[in-house]
């Protein structure tokens, strides 16, 4: 059994195994944990090092003195209306295992949280929800989209967030909920709603940034920029990645809505979640539109490039045709001038006995012959449109 599986078993988790009962090998993905080595001698890192915030809430209000993990764990399980919320940022494997042992999390969900690089999804393990979200933010400096990954474990009286990237900033979400005790009093599902709302709201600046980039690309396409094809391809890759983040959100929201009646979700919270679903649908539709628009722009750019190449070929052909006409004219005049030169050369030879030298009409005959040959050649070339 692998080291992670053995520790999962010691932590009271059900280790993952194949249908034949043999333990499975480690998942092929790489962990997003940049700090820990997974050898058997790796130290068990304290959970405190990656805790961004930890608190216990009763009826929507933060309980003073419950800001450390030992105190949070001591108060759980608490009386009705009590909830713990622990936020982890880039935790080590041992840290996630410790939290899993405390809250009794399923081994498969824990594995996903450790390995990361998961698609957005929602899974239910007993009375605990496991949600994976892909946050996004637009970087104005580089005009690129930066994607992050967030895992949430939502239980009856606890919320555990495992964040593998800087976005989203859950401290803003926590302050928002602590400023609205009525909403926070609705329990862990209210935290899930607030996180979903923050992630979906974070898509708006990204959509605006992508729209701006597409507008610039359209200008470059019609401006004949030779490097626009590469930019279209790079932006298309970002849009596809963004689509992979937004499209599964619709399934997540649909699954939550399907469980409203079964799990007794508060009516007000249902309205909030439906509002998030509407925003997620809008974002997904905009991203789908971006992808189709970029495909059309790429096709248009290829058409414009082809037209430009055809125009260049036409201009080259016209230039070649004009050059050929000039060559024909030059060749025609050269042939016309060559005829009298040939006749004059013959009669300019210094021989004593030439029949025409003593003939009184020899000179006029030579001149007439020159004129006749030149006139004949001129008529021939003119008829062939060489002159």
Foldseek 3Di string as FASTA:
>chain_A
DFQLQVLLVVLVADADDDPVRHHDDQDPFAFLQPDWDRDNPTDQDDLVVFWPWKFKDALLATDPPCTDPVSVLVCPPDDPRIAMETEGESDALSNLSVVCSSVVDHPVLSSCLGRPPDFFDWDDDPQKIKTKAKAWAADPVVLAIDIWIKIWIFHQHYIYIYTHDPPPDCVVLVVVSSVPSNLCSLHSLSSVLSNLLSRLVNCVNVLVSLVVVVVVLVVCLVVVPPCSLVVLVVSLVRLVVVLSRLVCVLVVLVVVLVCCVVVVRDPVSNVSSVVSNVSSVVSNVSSVVSNVVSVVSSVVSVVVVVVVVVVVVVVVVVVVVVVVLVVLLVVLVVVLVVQLVVLVVVVVDPDPDDPLPPPPCSVVVSVVVSVVSSVVSVVVCVVVVSD
